[in-house]
All heavy atoms as atom14 arrays in JSON, in Angstrom:
{
  "sequence": "KHGLPRIHYLRKTKAAVKFLSIEPLLEDLGQIDLSGIQWVIV",
  "atom14_mask": [
    [1, 1, 1, 1, 1, 1, 1, 1, 1, 0, 0, 0, 0, 0],
    [1, 1, 1, 1, 1, 1, 1, 1, 1, 1, 0, 0, 0, 0],
    [1, 1, 1, 1, 0, 0, 0, 0, 0, 0, 0, 0, 0, 0],
    [1, 1, 1, 1, 1, 1, 1, 1, 0, 0, 0, 0, 0, 0],
    [1, 1, 1, 1, 1, 1, 1, 0, 0, 0, 0, 0, 0, 0],
    [1, 1, 1, 1, 1, 1, 1, 1, 1, 1, 1, 0, 0, 0],
    [1, 1, 1, 1, 1, 1, 1, 1, 0, 0, 0, 0, 0, 0],
    [1, 1, 1, 1, 1, 1, 1, 1, 1, 1, 0, 0, 0, 0],
    [1, 1, 1, 1, 1, 1, 1, 1, 1, 1, 1, 1, 0, 0],
    [1, 1, 1, 1, 1, 1, 1, 1, 0, 0, 0, 0, 0, 0],
    [1, 1, 1, 1, 1, 1, 1, 1, 1, 1, 1, 0, 0, 0],
    [1, 1, 1, 1, 1, 1, 1, 1, 1, 0, 0, 0, 0, 0],
    [1, 1, 1, 1, 1, 1, 1, 0, 0, 0, 0, 0, 0, 0],
    [1, 1, 1, 1, 1, 1, 1, 1, 1, 0, 0, 0, 0, 0],
    [1, 1, 1, 1, 1, 0, 0, 0, 0, 0, 0, 0, 0, 0],
    [1, 1, 1, 1, 1, 0, 0, 0, 0, 0, 0, 0, 0, 0],
    [1, 1, 1, 1, 1, 1, 1, 0, 0, 0, 0, 0, 0, 0],
    [1, 1, 1, 1, 1, 1, 1, 1, 1, 0, 0, 0, 0, 0],
    [1, 1, 1, 1, 1, 1, 1, 1, 1, 1, 1, 0, 0, 0],
    [1, 1, 1, 1, 1, 1, 1, 1, 0, 0, 0, 0, 0, 0],
    [1, 1, 1, 1, 1, 1, 0, 0, 0, 0, 0, 0, 0, 0],
    [1, 1, 1, 1, 1, 1, 1, 1, 0, 0, 0, 0, 0, 0],
    [1, 1, 1, 1, 1, 1, 1, 1, 1, 0, 0, 0, 0, 0],
    [1, 1, 1, 1, 1, 1, 1, 0, 0, 0, 0, 0, 0, 0],
    [1, 1, 1, 1, 1, 1, 1, 1, 0, 0, 0, 0, 0, 0],
    [1, 1, 1, 1, 1, 1, 1, 1, 0, 0, 0, 0, 0, 0],
    [1, 1, 1, 1, 1, 1, 1, 1, 1, 0, 0, 0, 0, 0],
    [1, 1, 1, 1, 1, 1, 1, 1, 0, 0, 0, 0, 0, 0],
    [1, 1, 1, 1, 1, 1, 1, 1, 0, 0, 0, 0, 0, 0],
    [1, 1, 1, 1, 0, 0, 0, 0, 0, 0, 0, 0, 0, 0],
    [1, 1, 1, 1, 1, 1, 1, 1, 1, 0, 0, 0, 0, 0],
    [1, 1, 1, 1, 1, 1, 1, 1, 0, 0, 0, 0, 0, 0],
    [1, 1, 1, 1, 1, 1, 1, 1, 0, 0, 0, 0, 0, 0],
    [1, 1, 1, 1, 1, 1, 1, 1, 0, 0, 0, 0, 0, 0],
    [1, 1, 1, 1, 1, 1, 0, 0, 0, 0, 0, 0, 0, 0],
    [1, 1, 1, 1, 0, 0, 0, 0, 0, 0, 0, 0, 0, 0],
    [1, 1, 1, 1, 1, 1, 1, 1, 0, 0, 0, 0, 0, 0],
    [1, 1, 1, 1, 1, 1, 1, 1, 1, 0, 0, 0, 0, 0],
    [1, 1, 1, 1, 1, 1, 1, 1, 1, 1, 1, 1, 1, 1],
    [1, 1, 1, 1, 1, 1, 1, 0, 0, 0, 0, 0, 0, 0],
    [1, 1, 1, 1, 1, 1, 1, 1, 0, 0, 0, 0, 0, 0],
    [1, 1, 1, 1, 1, 1, 1, 0, 0, 0, 0, 0, 0, 0]
  ],
  "atom14_positions": [
    [[0.81, -1.22, 0.0], [0.0, 0.0, 0.0], [0.84, 1.27, 0.0], [0.59, 2.19, -0.8], [-0.94, 0.0, 1.21], [-1.81, 1.24, 1.31], [-2.72, 1.19, 2.52], [-3.58, 2.46, 2.62], [-4.48, 2.41, 3.82], [0.0, 0.0, 0.0], [0.0, 0.0, 0.0], [0.0, 0.0, 0.0], [0.0, 0.0, 0.0], [0.0, 0.0, 0.0]],
    [[1.82, 1.34, 0.88], [2.6, 2.57, 1.01], [3.91, 2.53, 0.21], [4.36, 3.57, -0.29], [2.94, 2.83, 2.49], [1.74, 2.95, 3.37], [1.13, 1.85, 3.94], [1.03, 4.03, 3.77], [0.1, 2.26, 4.67], [0.02, 3.57, 4.58], [0.0, 0.0, 0.0], [0.0, 0.0, 0.0], [0.0, 0.0, 0.0], [0.0, 0.0, 0.0]],
    [[4.52, 1.36, 0.14], [5.86, 1.27, -0.45], [5.91, 1.21, -1.96], [6.68, 1.94, -2.59], [0.0, 0.0, 0.0], [0.0, 0.0, 0.0], [0.0, 0.0, 0.0], [0.0, 0.0, 0.0], [0.0, 0.0, 0.0], [0.0, 0.0, 0.0], [0.0, 0.0, 0.0], [0.0, 0.0, 0.0], [0.0, 0.0, 0.0], [0.0, 0.0, 0.0]],
    [[5.11, 0.34, -2.56], [5.2, 0.17, -4.01], [4.91, 1.45, -4.8], [5.58, 1.71, -5.81], [4.27, -0.97, -4.47], [4.69, -2.39, -4.05], [3.76, -3.41, -4.7], [6.14, -2.69, -4.41], [0.0, 0.0, 0.0], [0.0, 0.0, 0.0], [0.0, 0.0, 0.0], [0.0, 0.0, 0.0], [0.0, 0.0, 0.0], [0.0, 0.0, 0.0]],
    [[3.93, 2.29, -4.4], [3.71, 3.52, -5.15], [4.92, 4.45, -5.2], [5.05, 5.25, -6.13], [2.53, 4.18, -4.41], [1.8, 3.04, -3.78], [2.88, 2.09, -3.37], [0.0, 0.0, 0.0], [0.0, 0.0, 0.0], [0.0, 0.0, 0.0], [0.0, 0.0, 0.0], [0.0, 0.0, 0.0], [0.0, 0.0, 0.0], [0.0, 0.0, 0.0]],
    [[5.8, 4.36, -4.21], [6.98, 5.23, -4.2], [7.91, 4.93, -5.38], [8.63, 5.81, -5.84], [7.75, 5.07, -2.89], [6.95, 5.5, -1.66], [7.78, 5.37, -0.39], [6.97, 5.62, 0.79], [6.88, 4.81, 1.84], [7.6, 3.68, 1.86], [6.12, 5.1, 2.86], [0.0, 0.0, 0.0], [0.0, 0.0, 0.0], [0.0, 0.0, 0.0]],
    [[7.89, 3.68, -5.85], [8.77, 3.3, -6.96], [8.39, 4.08, -8.22], [9.26, 4.48, -9.0], [8.7, 1.79, -7.22], [9.04, 1.0, -5.94], [9.67, 1.39, -8.33], [8.87, -0.51, -6.07], [0.0, 0.0, 0.0], [0.0, 0.0, 0.0], [0.0, 0.0, 0.0], [0.0, 0.0, 0.0], [0.0, 0.0, 0.0], [0.0, 0.0, 0.0]],
    [[7.12, 4.31, -8.41], [6.64, 5.08, -9.56], [7.24, 6.49, -9.55], [7.7, 6.98, -10.59], [5.12, 5.15, -9.54], [4.53, 6.14, -10.49], [4.53, 5.96, -11.87], [3.93, 7.35, -10.28], [3.96, 6.99, -12.45], [3.58, 7.85, -11.52], [0.0, 0.0, 0.0], [0.0, 0.0, 0.0], [0.0, 0.0, 0.0], [0.0, 0.0, 0.0]],
    [[7.24, 7.13, -8.38], [7.8, 8.48, -8.29], [9.32, 8.47, -8.49], [9.88, 9.37, -9.12], [7.47, 9.09, -6.92], [6.02, 9.47, -6.77], [5.17, 8.73, -5.96], [5.5, 10.57, -7.44], [3.84, 9.08, -5.81], [4.17, 10.94, -7.3], [3.34, 10.18, -6.49], [2.02, 10.53, -6.35], [0.0, 0.0, 0.0], [0.0, 0.0, 0.0]],
    [[9.99, 7.44, -7.96], [11.43, 7.33, -8.13], [11.79, 7.24, -9.6], [12.76, 7.86, -10.07], [11.95, 6.09, -7.38], [13.43, 5.76, -7.55], [14.31, 6.87, -7.03], [13.75, 4.43, -6.85], [0.0, 0.0, 0.0], [0.0, 0.0, 0.0], [0.0, 0.0, 0.0], [0.0, 0.0, 0.0], [0.0, 0.0, 0.0], [0.0, 0.0, 0.0]],
    [[11.0, 6.48, -10.35], [11.28, 6.31, -11.78], [11.19, 7.63, -12.56], [11.76, 7.77, -13.63], [10.31, 5.29, -12.38], [10.95, 3.94, -12.7], [10.04, 3.09, -13.55], [8.79, 2.82, -12.87], [8.57, 1.78, -12.07], [9.56, 0.91, -11.85], [7.4, 1.6, -11.49], [0.0, 0.0, 0.0], [0.0, 0.0, 0.0], [0.0, 0.0, 0.0]],
    [[10.45, 8.59, -12.01], [10.3, 9.88, -12.69], [11.6, 10.69, -12.65], [11.78, 11.6, -13.46], [9.18, 10.69, -12.05], [7.78, 10.16, -12.32], [6.72, 11.1, -11.73], [5.33, 10.65, -12.09], [4.3, 11.6, -11.59], [0.0, 0.0, 0.0], [0.0, 0.0, 0.0], [0.0, 0.0, 0.0], [0.0, 0.0, 0.0], [0.0, 0.0, 0.0]],
    [[12.48, 10.4, -11.72], [13.74, 11.13, -11.63], [14.72, 10.59, -12.67], [14.55, 9.48, -13.19], [14.37, 11.01, -10.24], [14.88, 9.68, -10.06], [13.36, 11.32, -9.15], [0.0, 0.0, 0.0], [0.0, 0.0, 0.0], [0.0, 0.0, 0.0], [0.0, 0.0, 0.0], [0.0, 0.0, 0.0], [0.0, 0.0, 0.0], [0.0, 0.0, 0.0]],
    [[15.74, 11.39, -12.94], [16.75, 10.98, -13.91], [18.06, 10.65, -13.2], [19.15, 10.89, -13.74], [16.96, 12.08, -14.95], [15.71, 12.34, -15.79], [15.93, 13.43, -16.81], [14.67, 13.68, -17.63], [14.86, 14.77, -18.63], [0.0, 0.0, 0.0], [0.0, 0.0, 0.0], [0.0, 0.0, 0.0], [0.0, 0.0, 0.0], [0.0, 0.0, 0.0]],
    [[17.94, 10.08, -12.01], [19.14, 9.7, -11.25], [19.91, 8.61, -11.99], [19.31, 7.72, -12.61], [18.74, 9.19, -9.86], [0.0, 0.0, 0.0], [0.0, 0.0, 0.0], [0.0, 0.0, 0.0], [0.0, 0.0, 0.0], [0.0, 0.0, 0.0], [0.0, 0.0, 0.0], [0.0, 0.0, 0.0], [0.0, 0.0, 0.0], [0.0, 0.0, 0.0]],
    [[21.23, 8.67, -11.92], [22.07, 7.66, -12.57], [21.85, 6.29, -11.95], [21.88, 5.27, -12.64], [23.54, 8.06, -12.47], [0.0, 0.0, 0.0], [0.0, 0.0, 0.0], [0.0, 0.0, 0.0], [0.0, 0.0, 0.0], [0.0, 0.0, 0.0], [0.0, 0.0, 0.0], [0.0, 0.0, 0.0], [0.0, 0.0, 0.0], [0.0, 0.0, 0.0]],
    [[21.64, 6.27, -10.64], [21.33, 5.03, -9.93], [20.07, 5.25, -9.11], [20.01, 6.15, -8.27], [22.49, 4.58, -9.01], [22.06, 3.39, -8.14], [23.72, 4.22, -9.83], [0.0, 0.0, 0.0], [0.0, 0.0, 0.0], [0.0, 0.0, 0.0], [0.0, 0.0, 0.0], [0.0, 0.0, 0.0], [0.0, 0.0, 0.0], [0.0, 0.0, 0.0]],
    [[19.06, 4.44, -9.36], [17.81, 4.46, -8.59], [17.71, 3.14, -7.84], [17.84, 2.07, -8.45], [16.61, 4.66, -9.54], [16.6, 6.02, -10.22], [15.42, 6.2, -11.16], [15.66, 5.54, -12.5], [16.73, 6.21, -13.28], [0.0, 0.0, 0.0], [0.0, 0.0, 0.0], [0.0, 0.0, 0.0], [0.0, 0.0, 0.0], [0.0, 0.0, 0.0]],
    [[17.49, 3.23, -6.52], [17.51, 2.0, -5.73], [16.33, 1.91, -4.77], [15.69, 2.92, -4.44], [18.83, 1.87, -4.97], [19.04, 2.84, -3.85], [18.78, 2.48, -2.53], [19.54, 4.12, -4.08], [19.0, 3.35, -1.47], [19.77, 5.01, -3.04], [19.49, 4.63, -1.73], [0.0, 0.0, 0.0], [0.0, 0.0, 0.0], [0.0, 0.0, 0.0]],
    [[16.06, 0.68, -4.34], [14.99, 0.41, -3.38], [15.59, -0.13, -2.1], [16.43, -1.03, -2.13], [14.01, -0.64, -3.94], [13.44, -0.42, -5.34], [12.48, -1.56, -5.69], [12.77, 0.93, -5.47], [0.0, 0.0, 0.0], [0.0, 0.0, 0.0], [0.0, 0.0, 0.0], [0.0, 0.0, 0.0], [0.0, 0.0, 0.0], [0.0, 0.0, 0.0]],
    [[15.16, 0.41, -0.98], [15.51, -0.16, 0.33], [14.25, -0.81, 0.88], [13.36, -0.14, 1.42], [16.01, 0.93, 1.28], [16.25, 0.38, 2.57], [0.0, 0.0, 0.0], [0.0, 0.0, 0.0], [0.0, 0.0, 0.0], [0.0, 0.0, 0.0], [0.0, 0.0, 0.0], [0.0, 0.0, 0.0], [0.0, 0.0, 0.0], [0.0, 0.0, 0.0]],
    [[14.15, -2.11, 0.71], [12.97, -2.86, 1.14], [13.24, -3.34, 2.57], [13.55, -4.49, 2.83], [12.67, -4.01, 0.17], [12.53, -3.45, -1.25], [11.4, -4.75, 0.57], [12.27, -4.5, -2.32], [0.0, 0.0, 0.0], [0.0, 0.0, 0.0], [0.0, 0.0, 0.0], [0.0, 0.0, 0.0], [0.0, 0.0, 0.0], [0.0, 0.0, 0.0]],
    [[13.14, -2.4, 3.49], [13.47, -2.65, 4.89], [12.74, -1.66, 5.79], [12.85, -0.45, 5.55], [14.98, -2.56, 5.12], [15.38, -2.89, 6.54], [16.87, -2.66, 6.79], [17.53, -2.03, 5.95], [17.35, -3.1, 7.85], [0.0, 0.0, 0.0], [0.0, 0.0, 0.0], [0.0, 0.0, 0.0], [0.0, 0.0, 0.0], [0.0, 0.0, 0.0]],
    [[11.99, -2.11, 6.78], [11.71, -3.52, 7.04], [10.67, -4.07, 6.06], [9.67, -3.4, 5.77], [11.14, -3.49, 8.46], [10.47, -2.15, 8.57], [11.34, -1.21, 7.78], [0.0, 0.0, 0.0], [0.0, 0.0, 0.0], [0.0, 0.0, 0.0], [0.0, 0.0, 0.0], [0.0, 0.0, 0.0], [0.0, 0.0, 0.0], [0.0, 0.0, 0.0]],
    [[10.9, -5.26, 5.56], [9.94, -5.91, 4.68], [8.83, -6.5, 5.55], [9.07, -7.4, 6.35], [10.64, -7.01, 3.88], [9.77, -7.86, 2.95], [8.97, -7.0, 1.98], [10.63, -8.86, 2.19], [0.0, 0.0, 0.0], [0.0, 0.0, 0.0], [0.0, 0.0, 0.0], [0.0, 0.0, 0.0], [0.0, 0.0, 0.0], [0.0, 0.0, 0.0]],
    [[7.62, -5.98, 5.38], [6.51, -6.31, 6.28], [5.49, -7.29, 5.7], [4.61, -7.76, 6.43], [5.79, -5.03, 6.72], [6.64, -3.99, 7.45], [5.8, -2.76, 7.78], [7.25, -4.58, 8.71], [0.0, 0.0, 0.0], [0.0, 0.0, 0.0], [0.0, 0.0, 0.0], [0.0, 0.0, 0.0], [0.0, 0.0, 0.0], [0.0, 0.0, 0.0]],
    [[5.58, -7.56, 4.4], [4.65, -8.5, 3.78], [5.18, -8.94, 2.42], [6.15, -8.36, 1.91], [3.27, -7.87, 3.61], [3.23, -6.7, 2.64], [1.84, -6.09, 2.49], [0.89, -6.64, 3.08], [1.72, -5.07, 1.79], [0.0, 0.0, 0.0], [0.0, 0.0, 0.0], [0.0, 0.0, 0.0], [0.0, 0.0, 0.0], [0.0, 0.0, 0.0]],
    [[4.57, -9.95, 1.85], [4.93, -10.37, 0.5], [4.5, -9.28, -0.47], [3.33, -8.88, -0.51], [4.21, -11.68, 0.18], [4.66, -12.28, -1.14], [5.43, -11.62, -1.87], [4.23, -13.41, -1.46], [0.0, 0.0, 0.0], [0.0, 0.0, 0.0], [0.0, 0.0, 0.0], [0.0, 0.0, 0.0], [0.0, 0.0, 0.0], [0.0, 0.0, 0.0]],
    [[5.43, -8.79, -1.27], [5.15, -7.68, -2.18], [4.57, -8.12, -3.51], [4.18, -7.28, -4.33], [6.43, -6.88, -2.43], [7.04, -6.19, -1.2], [8.34, -5.48, -1.59], [6.07, -5.22, -0.54], [0.0, 0.0, 0.0], [0.0, 0.0, 0.0], [0.0, 0.0, 0.0], [0.0, 0.0, 0.0], [0.0, 0.0, 0.0], [0.0, 0.0, 0.0]],
    [[4.5, -9.43, -3.73], [3.97, -9.91, -5.0], [4.88, -9.53, -6.15], [6.11, -9.45, -6.01], [0.0, 0.0, 0.0], [0.0, 0.0, 0.0], [0.0, 0.0, 0.0], [0.0, 0.0, 0.0], [0.0, 0.0, 0.0], [0.0, 0.0, 0.0], [0.0, 0.0, 0.0], [0.0, 0.0, 0.0], [0.0, 0.0, 0.0], [0.0, 0.0, 0.0]],
    [[4.29, -9.25, -7.31], [5.07, -8.86, -8.47], [5.43, -7.38, -8.38], [4.56, -6.54, -8.15], [4.29, -9.12, -9.76], [5.1, -8.96, -11.03], [6.21, -10.0, -11.17], [6.07, -11.12, -10.67], [7.3, -9.63, -11.81], [0.0, 0.0, 0.0], [0.0, 0.0, 0.0], [0.0, 0.0, 0.0], [0.0, 0.0, 0.0], [0.0, 0.0, 0.0]],
    [[6.71, -7.07, -8.56], [7.2, -5.69, -8.45], [7.66, -5.21, -9.83], [8.37, -5.92, -10.53], [8.38, -5.6, -7.47], [8.07, -6.31, -6.15], [8.77, -4.15, -7.21], [9.29, -6.51, -5.26], [0.0, 0.0, 0.0], [0.0, 0.0, 0.0], [0.0, 0.0, 0.0], [0.0, 0.0, 0.0], [0.0, 0.0, 0.0], [0.0, 0.0, 0.0]],
    [[7.27, -4.01, -10.19], [7.76, -3.41, -11.43], [9.14, -2.83, -11.15], [9.27, -1.77, -10.52], [6.8, -2.32, -11.9], [7.23, -1.69, -13.23], [8.3, -2.07, -13.75], [6.51, -0.82, -13.73], [0.0, 0.0, 0.0], [0.0, 0.0, 0.0], [0.0, 0.0, 0.0], [0.0, 0.0, 0.0], [0.0, 0.0, 0.0], [0.0, 0.0, 0.0]],
    [[10.17, -3.52, -11.59], [11.55, -3.12, -11.33], [12.18, -2.4, -12.52], [13.39, -2.16, -12.53], [12.39, -4.35, -10.97], [12.04, -5.04, -9.65], [12.84, -6.32, -9.5], [12.3, -4.12, -8.46], [0.0, 0.0, 0.0], [0.0, 0.0, 0.0], [0.0, 0.0, 0.0], [0.0, 0.0, 0.0], [0.0, 0.0, 0.0], [0.0, 0.0, 0.0]],
    [[11.38, -2.01, -13.5], [11.94, -1.32, -14.66], [12.57, 0.0, -14.23], [12.01, 0.76, -13.44], [10.85, -1.06, -15.7], [9.79, -0.29, -15.16], [0.0, 0.0, 0.0], [0.0, 0.0, 0.0], [0.0, 0.0, 0.0], [0.0, 0.0, 0.0], [0.0, 0.0, 0.0], [0.0, 0.0, 0.0], [0.0, 0.0, 0.0], [0.0, 0.0, 0.0]],
    [[13.78, 0.26, -14.72], [14.48, 1.49, -14.4], [15.16, 1.51, -13.06], [15.72, 2.53, -12.67], [0.0, 0.0, 0.0], [0.0, 0.0, 0.0], [0.0, 0.0, 0.0], [0.0, 0.0, 0.0], [0.0, 0.0, 0.0], [0.0, 0.0, 0.0], [0.0, 0.0, 0.0], [0.0, 0.0, 0.0], [0.0, 0.0, 0.0], [0.0, 0.0, 0.0]],
    [[15.16, 0.38, -12.33], [15.79, 0.3, -11.01], [17.15, -0.38, -11.16], [17.27, -1.41, -11.83], [14.9, -0.48, -10.02], [13.53, 0.19, -9.9], [15.58, -0.58, -8.66], [13.56, 1.63, -9.45], [0.0, 0.0, 0.0], [0.0, 0.0, 0.0], [0.0, 0.0, 0.0], [0.0, 0.0, 0.0], [0.0, 0.0, 0.0], [0.0, 0.0, 0.0]],
    [[18.17, 0.17, -10.5], [19.53, -0.35, -10.63], [20.03, -1.14, -9.42], [21.1, -1.74, -9.48], [20.51, 0.8, -10.9], [20.46, 1.35, -12.31], [19.29, 2.27, -12.55], [18.94, 3.08, -11.7], [18.68, 2.15, -13.72], [0.0, 0.0, 0.0], [0.0, 0.0, 0.0], [0.0, 0.0, 0.0], [0.0, 0.0, 0.0], [0.0, 0.0, 0.0]],
    [[19.27, -1.13, -8.32], [19.78, -1.79, -7.1], [18.63, -2.03, -6.15], [17.73, -1.18, -6.02], [20.83, -0.89, -6.45], [21.61, -1.48, -5.31], [21.95, -2.78, -5.11], [22.17, -0.75, -4.21], [22.69, -2.92, -3.97], [22.84, -1.69, -3.4], [22.17, 0.59, -3.84], [23.5, -1.32, -2.23], [22.82, 0.96, -2.69], [23.5, 0.01, -1.89]],
    [[18.65, -3.18, -5.45], [17.61, -3.49, -4.47], [18.26, -4.03, -3.2], [19.09, -4.94, -3.24], [16.61, -4.54, -5.01], [15.62, -4.96, -3.93], [15.84, -3.97, -6.21], [0.0, 0.0, 0.0], [0.0, 0.0, 0.0], [0.0, 0.0, 0.0], [0.0, 0.0, 0.0], [0.0, 0.0, 0.0], [0.0, 0.0, 0.0], [0.0, 0.0, 0.0]],
    [[17.88, -3.44, -2.06], [18.33, -3.87, -0.73], [17.12, -4.43, 0.01], [16.04, -3.86, -0.05], [18.91, -2.68, 0.08], [20.0, -1.97, -0.7], [19.4, -3.14, 1.44], [20.3, -0.56, -0.16], [0.0, 0.0, 0.0], [0.0, 0.0, 0.0], [0.0, 0.0, 0.0], [0.0, 0.0, 0.0], [0.0, 0.0, 0.0], [0.0, 0.0, 0.0]],
    [[17.3, -5.54, 0.72], [16.22, -6.1, 1.53], [16.75, -6.38, 2.93], [17.88, -6.83, 3.1], [15.66, -7.4, 0.92], [14.61, -8.02, 1.84], [15.04, -7.14, -0.44], [0.0, 0.0, 0.0], [0.0, 0.0, 0.0], [0.0, 0.0, 0.0], [0.0, 0.0, 0.0], [0.0, 0.0, 0.0], [0.0, 0.0, 0.0], [0.0, 0.0, 0.0]]
  ]
}
């Protein structure tokens, strides 16, 4: 509910590296749209 929508806003930036900090992971996120993401931390 709160976390996945943030990825959409991150993709709007033109940062050289766009990353996700999935911490604390509180539930199964299902399918994630990882297009345009360069790094994931859990």
